[in-house]
Each structure stands twice: as structure tokens, then as C-alpha cells.
Amino acid sequence: MKHLVRTSKNLGHAIREARKAKNLTQKELASMSGVWQETISKIENGSGGTKLETLFDLIAALDLEIMVTERSKGASDGLEDIF
């Protein structure tokens, strides 16, 4: 599973998809990661302002990793993804 992440909304979608792929509820992911269920809900809905440490706790619990590369010149989903 690969997701292009350029916004907090993109990251929230990727986390939601990974959680669902593992058949986990937000409550189960909260228990695994030590992150409040309410926080997971906010992240999955694209709310900004989340600490990096919190995001890394979720990413680790979902057995994911982040790879940073140069921005591609391909098509984007919307103008907000460009900036």
C-alpha cells in the first residue's frame, strides 16, 4: 500500500486506510499505540496540529514507514496538494 502524502488530509486518509486494512477499530488502534481514540479520529479527518511523536506512534503501531523523496511532477488531486 502506497499513498502520496502532501497534506494532513492525505496523511489522515493513509492512516485510516492502513487501520482498516488491518481490520482495526480506532479504539483498538488507540490501545495499541497509546494515542487517544479522539486524536486518531481527528488525524483521520485531516485535522492539523498533531505532534510528530503522535503520528510516529500511530505509524509504528500500524507497521508503516515514511519515505521522503523529491516532489513528483505528476498529476495531483487538487490545487491544495501542489503547495
Protein backbone atom coordinates (compact mmCIF):
# COMPACT_ATOMS: atom_id res chain seq x y z
CA MET A 1 0.00 0.00 0.00
CA LYS A 2 1.47 3.33 -1.08
CA HIS A 3 -0.05 6.78 -0.60
CA LEU A 4 1.15 10.14 -1.83
CA VAL A 5 1.02 12.39 1.23
CA ARG A 6 1.32 16.14 0.84
CA THR A 7 -1.27 17.39 3.33
CA SER A 8 -2.60 16.46 6.75
CA LYS A 9 -5.78 15.29 4.99
CA ASN A 10 -3.71 12.92 2.79
CA LEU A 11 -1.90 11.55 5.86
CA GLY A 12 -5.17 11.03 7.72
CA HIS A 13 -6.57 9.11 4.75
CA ALA A 14 -3.46 6.91 4.59
CA ILE A 15 -3.67 6.14 8.31
CA ARG A 16 -7.38 5.33 8.04
CA GLU A 17 -6.77 3.00 5.07
CA ALA A 18 -3.92 1.21 6.88
CA ARG A 19 -6.07 0.80 10.00
CA LYS A 20 -8.97 -0.60 8.00
CA ALA A 21 -6.66 -2.93 6.05
CA LYS A 22 -5.64 -4.45 9.38
CA ASN A 23 -9.32 -4.70 10.43
CA LEU A 24 -8.75 -2.45 13.45
CA THR A 25 -11.18 -0.04 15.04
CA GLN A 26 -9.97 3.35 16.18
CA LYS A 27 -10.34 2.11 19.74
CA GLU A 28 -8.14 -0.92 19.05
CA LEU A 29 -5.51 1.26 17.37
CA ALA A 30 -5.64 3.62 20.34
CA SER A 31 -4.92 0.73 22.68
CA MET A 32 -2.01 -0.47 20.53
CA SER A 33 -0.44 2.95 20.02
CA GLY A 34 -1.14 4.75 23.28
CA VAL A 35 -2.87 7.53 21.31
CA TRP A 36 -6.36 8.64 22.36
CA GLN A 37 -9.18 7.44 20.11
CA GLU A 38 -10.41 11.02 19.77
CA THR A 39 -6.97 12.06 18.49
CA ILE A 40 -6.99 9.23 15.94
CA SER A 41 -10.38 10.42 14.72
CA LYS A 42 -9.09 13.98 14.30
CA ILE A 43 -6.00 12.79 12.43
CA GLU A 44 -8.03 10.55 10.12
CA ASN A 45 -10.29 13.51 9.35
CA GLY A 46 -7.32 15.65 8.32
CA SER A 47 -7.09 17.98 11.30
CA GLY A 48 -3.70 19.63 11.55
CA GLY A 49 -1.67 20.44 14.63
CA THR A 50 -0.79 16.88 15.64
CA LYS A 51 2.60 16.31 17.25
CA LEU A 52 5.07 14.37 15.13
CA GLU A 53 5.62 11.99 18.04
CA THR A 54 1.91 11.11 18.00
CA LEU A 55 2.00 10.44 14.26
CA PHE A 56 5.07 8.24 14.64
CA ASP A 57 3.33 6.29 17.43
CA LEU A 58 0.44 5.55 15.05
CA ILE A 59 2.75 4.73 12.15
CA ALA A 60 4.70 2.29 14.31
CA ALA A 61 1.54 0.63 15.63
CA LEU A 62 0.33 0.14 12.05
CA ASP A 63 3.75 -1.23 10.99
CA LEU A 64 4.22 1.56 8.42
CA GLU A 65 7.18 3.71 7.49
CA ILE A 66 7.68 7.13 5.94
CA MET A 67 9.91 7.72 2.95
CA VAL A 68 10.81 11.29 2.00
CA THR A 69 11.52 11.92 -1.68
CA GLU A 70 11.57 14.84 -4.06
CA ARG A 71 8.14 16.01 -5.12
CA SER A 72 6.92 14.38 -8.31
CA LYS A 73 5.64 16.40 -11.23
CA GLY A 74 2.69 14.05 -11.79
CA ALA A 75 -0.98 14.86 -11.54
CA SER A 76 -2.35 15.92 -8.17
CA ASP A 77 -5.78 15.52 -6.67
CA GLY A 78 -6.28 19.23 -6.20
CA LEU A 79 -4.65 22.63 -6.13
CA GLU A 80 -4.08 22.41 -2.36
CA ASP A 81 -1.82 19.38 -2.95
CA ILE A 82 0.59 21.46 -5.00
CA PHE A 83 1.60 23.86 -2.24
